[in-house]
Amino acid sequence: MVIVRLRGGLGNQMFQYALGKRISEQLNTPLKLDLTTILRVKKKEGFTYRPYQLHIFNVEESYLINPKTIRFFNKLHLHFIVEIIKGIKLLGKKKVKEKTFTVDDNLINSPLNNALYSGYWQSEKYFSDAEASLRLDFSFKESLSPQATNILEKIQQTNSVCVHMRRGDYVQNNYFVPMSSDYFEKASTYINDHIKDPHFFIFSDEPQWCIDNIKMDANFTVVDFETEKIKYKEDLQLMASCQHFIMSASSFSWWAVWLSGVKNKITIAPKQWFADQSIDVSDLVGSDWIRL
């Protein structure tokens, strides 16, 4: 059995699931998802908690502990019971913890069975061998809403460029780097120099800020719409439908690029991914990406 502990937002959860899927296939053993950390929601200044979000995909949802059980005891403020159950289920299991941001080759060549994997695992090297099955797993369960479908039609009719402006917690978080207007200006100039008649589709967790502040000497649309469906799922599906990409330093951006089936696309990413410039992101970024 392979167990992966999920934490963070959708992009992080996808990286964690992808690692587990590849190891489970390599070792021919079941994959279990540990939701005990991600479902324990508590307020902490400067940190944004995300719920379990992989349910938007056709992933293999098999859990270490049933999510209903975790939520039941958490609601009663009896999280220690969840910890006891988890401790029993993890008896005899090894724990593999991510030590650095760079790829651990031993984990690729000689993964451990009967183990819990705890980390972020943000590199395609960890799961490239399982790409075919992951593309099936990461297919969307539901079709787009009528509102999102209207935007998709426009994306498909133009030389579409996905521009992801991650703001929200990035603006005040000392760990990440919110992208400057200078970065997006340089990136859009690069696209204009290499693509005929591009249309920029701007996606953001703060679309109103983009409407109020973004001015571009090009055709652009700030994607802002109401939907009865899951908004982040709709955004990711639309982003992945674009032909070219201007990324933020975000795993959500990363997966939009990966999910895109377009060949020979231009992908622009920031040179600085984290506030701490000593963090080596060479295993995270694509070899053909343009860094600005």
Protein backbone atom coordinates (compact mmCIF):
# COMPACT_ATOMS: atom_id res chain seq x y z
CA MET A 1 0.00 0.00 0.00
CA VAL A 2 1.11 3.56 -0.84
CA ILE A 3 -0.33 6.44 1.18
CA VAL A 4 0.02 10.12 0.26
CA ARG A 5 -0.81 12.91 2.67
CA LEU A 6 -2.70 15.72 0.97
CA ARG A 7 -2.20 19.37 1.91
CA GLY A 8 -2.38 22.75 0.24
CA GLY A 9 -4.57 23.84 -2.65
CA LEU A 10 -5.64 22.00 -5.77
CA GLY A 11 -2.26 22.26 -7.53
CA ASN A 12 -0.42 20.83 -4.54
CA GLN A 13 -2.97 18.05 -4.15
CA MET A 14 -2.47 17.13 -7.81
CA PHE A 15 1.30 16.88 -7.35
CA GLN A 16 0.85 14.68 -4.27
CA TYR A 17 -1.68 12.42 -5.97
CA ALA A 18 0.53 12.16 -9.07
CA LEU A 19 3.48 10.92 -7.02
CA GLY A 20 1.32 8.34 -5.28
CA LYS A 21 -0.22 7.16 -8.54
CA ARG A 22 3.17 6.60 -10.15
CA ILE A 23 4.52 4.69 -7.15
CA SER A 24 1.37 2.59 -6.83
CA GLU A 25 1.68 1.61 -10.50
CA GLN A 26 5.40 0.95 -10.20
CA LEU A 27 4.94 -1.30 -7.16
CA ASN A 28 1.55 -2.71 -8.25
CA THR A 29 -0.01 -1.79 -4.91
CA PRO A 30 -3.13 0.19 -3.87
CA LEU A 31 -3.04 3.97 -3.40
CA LYS A 32 -4.67 5.57 -0.33
CA LEU A 33 -5.23 9.28 0.29
CA ASP A 34 -4.63 10.65 3.79
CA LEU A 35 -6.97 13.63 4.32
CA THR A 36 -6.43 14.03 8.07
CA THR A 37 -4.30 17.16 7.66
CA ILE A 38 -6.28 18.88 4.92
CA LEU A 39 -9.68 18.36 6.59
CA ARG A 40 -8.55 19.76 9.93
CA VAL A 41 -9.49 23.37 9.25
CA LYS A 42 -8.28 25.88 11.81
CA LYS A 43 -7.59 29.59 11.59
CA LYS A 44 -3.99 30.69 11.34
CA GLU A 45 -2.90 34.19 10.42
CA GLY A 46 -1.16 34.47 7.07
CA PHE A 47 -2.11 30.98 5.88
CA THR A 48 -4.97 30.02 3.57
CA TYR A 49 -6.46 26.60 4.22
CA ARG A 50 -7.87 24.70 1.25
CA PRO A 51 -10.41 21.86 1.31
CA TYR A 52 -10.02 18.56 -0.48
CA GLN A 53 -10.45 19.43 -4.17
CA LEU A 54 -9.50 16.38 -6.24
CA HIS A 55 -13.16 15.37 -6.41
CA ILE A 56 -13.49 17.50 -9.57
CA PHE A 57 -11.47 14.83 -11.40
CA ASN A 58 -11.91 11.14 -12.21
CA VAL A 59 -9.19 10.24 -9.71
CA GLU A 60 -8.92 7.03 -7.73
CA GLU A 61 -10.57 8.09 -4.46
CA SER A 62 -9.58 5.52 -1.87
CA TYR A 63 -8.93 6.92 1.61
CA LEU A 64 -6.83 6.01 4.62
CA ILE A 65 -9.78 7.16 6.76
CA ASN A 66 -13.24 7.90 5.40
CA PRO A 67 -13.65 11.70 5.04
CA LYS A 68 -17.09 11.51 6.70
CA THR A 69 -15.46 10.00 9.78
CA ILE A 70 -12.82 12.73 9.89
CA ARG A 71 -15.39 15.51 9.50
CA PHE A 72 -17.67 13.97 12.15
CA PHE A 73 -15.02 13.91 14.87
CA ASN A 74 -13.59 17.26 13.84
CA LYS A 75 -17.05 18.84 14.14
CA LEU A 76 -17.25 17.52 17.71
CA HIS A 77 -13.74 18.89 18.43
CA LEU A 78 -12.53 15.33 18.92
CA HIS A 79 -9.65 15.41 16.48
CA PHE A 80 -7.58 13.29 18.87
CA ILE A 81 -9.83 10.35 17.98
CA VAL A 82 -8.91 10.84 14.30
CA GLU A 83 -5.25 10.83 15.35
CA ILE A 84 -5.75 7.57 17.23
CA ILE A 85 -7.44 5.95 14.21
CA LYS A 86 -4.68 7.23 11.96
CA GLY A 87 -1.99 5.94 14.31
CA ILE A 88 -3.54 2.46 14.27
CA LYS A 89 -3.82 2.43 10.47
CA LEU A 90 -0.20 3.59 10.10
CA LEU A 91 1.24 0.96 12.44
CA GLY A 92 4.19 -0.68 10.73
CA LYS A 93 4.15 1.84 7.87
CA LYS A 94 7.31 3.73 6.99
CA LYS A 95 7.17 7.53 6.61
CA VAL A 96 8.90 9.17 3.66
CA LYS A 97 9.19 12.92 4.17
CA GLU A 98 10.30 15.37 1.50
CA LYS A 99 13.68 16.77 2.55
CA THR A 100 14.40 19.32 -0.19
CA PHE A 101 12.60 20.98 -3.09
CA THR A 102 14.87 19.23 -5.59
CA VAL A 103 14.01 15.73 -6.78
CA ASP A 104 15.04 12.72 -4.73
CA ASP A 105 16.31 10.20 -7.31
CA ASN A 106 16.06 7.34 -4.80
CA LEU A 107 12.34 7.99 -4.57
CA ILE A 108 12.05 7.62 -8.33
CA ASN A 109 14.27 4.55 -8.69
CA SER A 110 13.56 2.72 -5.43
CA PRO A 111 10.28 3.86 -3.82
CA LEU A 112 9.19 2.18 -0.61
CA ASN A 113 6.05 0.08 -0.35
CA ASN A 114 3.83 0.10 2.74
CA ALA A 115 4.76 3.73 3.33
CA LEU A 116 3.25 7.18 3.94
CA TYR A 117 4.60 9.93 1.67
CA SER A 118 4.48 13.44 3.13
CA GLY A 119 5.61 16.41 1.04
CA TYR A 120 4.76 18.55 -1.97
CA TRP A 121 6.72 16.67 -4.69
CA GLN A 122 6.55 19.51 -7.22
CA SER A 123 8.28 18.05 -10.23
CA GLU A 124 7.10 16.14 -13.29
CA LYS A 125 10.10 13.85 -12.81
CA TYR A 126 8.22 12.20 -9.96
CA PHE A 127 5.39 11.00 -12.20
CA SER A 128 6.39 11.26 -15.87
CA ASP A 129 6.22 7.46 -16.21
CA ALA A 130 2.52 7.55 -15.28
CA GLU A 131 1.51 10.38 -17.62
CA ALA A 132 -0.99 8.34 -19.64
CA SER A 133 -2.98 7.15 -16.62
CA LEU A 134 -2.73 10.55 -14.90
CA ARG A 135 -4.23 12.30 -17.90
CA LEU A 136 -7.22 9.98 -17.54
CA ASP A 137 -7.38 10.56 -13.78
CA PHE A 138 -7.13 14.32 -14.21
CA SER A 139 -9.98 14.47 -16.71
CA PHE A 140 -12.84 16.62 -15.45
CA LYS A 141 -15.95 14.89 -14.14
CA GLU A 142 -18.43 17.59 -15.11
CA SER A 143 -18.88 19.58 -18.28
CA LEU A 144 -18.56 23.35 -18.24
CA SER A 145 -21.44 25.57 -17.25
CA PRO A 146 -23.16 27.59 -20.02
CA GLN A 147 -21.37 30.73 -18.81
CA ALA A 148 -17.94 29.05 -18.99
CA THR A 149 -18.81 27.43 -22.32
CA ASN A 150 -19.33 30.88 -23.83
CA ILE A 151 -15.80 31.82 -22.77
CA LEU A 152 -14.42 28.51 -24.07
CA GLU A 153 -15.88 29.23 -27.52
CA LYS A 154 -14.06 32.56 -27.57
CA ILE A 155 -10.83 30.86 -26.46
CA GLN A 156 -11.15 28.33 -29.28
CA GLN A 157 -11.77 31.04 -31.88
CA THR A 158 -8.63 33.07 -31.12
CA ASN A 159 -4.88 32.71 -30.65
CA SER A 160 -5.58 32.41 -26.96
CA VAL A 161 -3.05 33.21 -24.26
CA CYS A 162 -3.82 32.23 -20.66
CA VAL A 163 -2.56 34.88 -18.25
CA HIS A 164 -2.74 33.71 -14.64
CA MET A 165 -2.53 36.51 -12.07
CA ARG A 166 -2.36 34.87 -8.67
CA ARG A 167 -3.05 37.42 -5.97
CA GLY A 168 -5.03 36.68 -2.80
CA ASP A 169 -2.70 35.24 -0.14
CA TYR A 170 0.35 35.86 -2.37
CA VAL A 171 0.09 39.62 -1.85
CA GLN A 172 0.76 39.44 1.89
CA ASN A 173 2.60 36.12 2.16
CA ASN A 174 6.36 36.42 2.67
CA TYR A 175 7.01 32.96 1.17
CA PHE A 176 5.71 33.61 -2.33
CA VAL A 177 6.31 36.39 -4.84
CA PRO A 178 3.29 38.17 -6.35
CA MET A 179 4.05 38.89 -9.99
CA SER A 180 4.73 42.53 -10.80
CA SER A 181 3.08 44.49 -13.61
CA ASP A 182 6.55 44.72 -15.18
CA TYR A 183 6.67 40.91 -15.49
CA PHE A 184 3.30 40.73 -17.24
CA GLU A 185 4.23 43.62 -19.54
CA LYS A 186 7.45 41.88 -20.61
CA ALA A 187 5.62 38.58 -21.06
CA SER A 188 2.85 40.11 -23.16
CA THR A 189 5.45 41.90 -25.29
CA TYR A 190 7.21 38.58 -25.90
CA ILE A 191 3.92 36.98 -26.93
CA ASN A 192 3.07 39.87 -29.26
CA ASP A 193 6.47 39.51 -30.92
CA HIS A 194 6.01 35.78 -31.53
CA ILE A 195 2.26 35.22 -31.99
CA LYS A 196 -0.02 36.77 -34.60
CA ASP A 197 -3.08 38.54 -33.19
CA PRO A 198 -2.99 37.02 -29.69
CA HIS A 199 -5.97 37.36 -27.38
CA PHE A 200 -5.07 37.41 -23.70
CA PHE A 201 -7.48 35.73 -21.28
CA ILE A 202 -6.71 36.92 -17.76
CA PHE A 203 -7.57 34.54 -14.93
CA SER A 204 -7.24 35.58 -11.32
CA ASP A 205 -8.53 34.90 -7.82
CA GLU A 206 -9.21 38.67 -7.77
CA PRO A 207 -10.84 39.37 -11.16
CA GLN A 208 -12.26 42.70 -10.03
CA TRP A 209 -8.75 43.93 -9.22
CA CYS A 210 -7.73 42.96 -12.76
CA ILE A 211 -10.73 44.77 -14.27
CA ASP A 212 -9.83 47.90 -12.33
CA ASN A 213 -6.08 47.83 -12.90
CA ILE A 214 -5.09 45.92 -16.04
CA LYS A 215 -4.55 47.94 -19.18
CA MET A 216 -3.06 46.19 -22.22
CA ASP A 217 -2.31 47.40 -25.73
CA ALA A 218 -3.81 44.21 -27.13
CA ASN A 219 -7.04 42.23 -27.22
CA PHE A 220 -7.72 40.90 -23.75
CA THR A 221 -10.54 39.55 -21.62
CA VAL A 222 -10.64 39.43 -17.84
CA VAL A 223 -12.41 36.14 -17.15
CA ASP A 224 -15.08 36.94 -14.60
CA PHE A 225 -18.39 35.12 -14.59
CA GLU A 226 -21.01 33.69 -12.28
CA THR A 227 -21.48 29.93 -12.24
CA GLU A 228 -23.53 27.40 -10.32
CA LYS A 229 -20.61 24.98 -10.61
CA ILE A 230 -17.23 24.93 -8.88
CA LYS A 231 -15.45 28.12 -9.92
CA TYR A 232 -11.84 26.93 -9.57
CA LYS A 233 -12.66 23.84 -11.62
CA GLU A 234 -14.18 25.98 -14.36
CA ASP A 235 -11.15 28.31 -14.32
CA LEU A 236 -8.64 25.46 -14.54
CA GLN A 237 -10.51 23.81 -17.40
CA LEU A 238 -10.67 27.10 -19.32
CA MET A 239 -7.01 27.91 -18.63
CA ALA A 240 -5.94 24.49 -19.90
CA SER A 241 -7.90 25.13 -23.12
CA CYS A 242 -5.66 28.04 -24.11
CA GLN A 243 -2.85 27.76 -26.65
CA HIS A 244 -0.12 29.71 -24.83
CA PHE A 245 0.58 30.63 -21.22
CA ILE A 246 1.87 33.44 -19.03
CA MET A 247 2.18 31.90 -15.60
CA SER A 248 2.32 33.13 -12.06
CA ALA A 249 4.62 31.32 -9.64
CA SER A 250 1.78 28.97 -8.83
CA SER A 251 1.11 25.24 -8.93
CA PHE A 252 -2.37 26.09 -10.29
CA SER A 253 -0.66 27.74 -13.29
CA TRP A 254 1.69 24.77 -13.58
CA TRP A 255 -1.10 22.25 -13.93
CA ALA A 256 -3.01 24.37 -16.46
CA VAL A 257 0.10 24.17 -18.67
CA TRP A 258 0.48 20.41 -18.09
CA LEU A 259 -3.20 19.70 -18.82
CA SER A 260 -3.02 21.59 -22.09
CA GLY A 261 -2.77 19.27 -25.05
CA VAL A 262 -1.33 21.94 -27.35
CA LYS A 263 2.07 21.18 -28.90
CA ASN A 264 4.67 23.89 -29.50
CA LYS A 265 2.98 26.25 -27.07
CA ILE A 266 4.81 29.23 -25.62
CA THR A 267 5.00 29.10 -21.84
CA ILE A 268 6.37 32.08 -19.94
CA ALA A 269 7.21 31.76 -16.25
CA PRO A 270 8.83 34.11 -13.72
CA LYS A 271 12.53 33.81 -13.02
CA GLN A 272 11.90 34.07 -9.29
CA TRP A 273 9.42 31.51 -7.96
CA PHE A 274 9.85 31.98 -4.20
CA ALA A 275 10.82 34.96 -2.07
CA ASP A 276 13.81 32.90 -0.94
CA GLN A 277 15.94 32.93 -4.08
CA SER A 278 18.16 30.14 -2.74
CA ILE A 279 15.40 27.56 -3.37
CA ASP A 280 16.33 25.58 -6.47
CA VAL A 281 13.30 25.26 -8.78
CA SER A 282 15.13 23.66 -11.70
CA ASP A 283 13.18 20.39 -11.24
CA LEU A 284 9.89 22.27 -11.24
CA VAL A 285 10.09 24.47 -14.33
CA GLY A 286 9.86 23.12 -17.86
CA SER A 287 13.03 22.97 -19.94
CA ASP A 288 11.35 24.84 -22.82
CA TRP A 289 9.75 27.57 -20.71
CA ILE A 290 10.73 31.21 -21.21
CA ARG A 291 11.85 32.72 -17.88
CA LEU A 292 11.36 36.47 -17.47
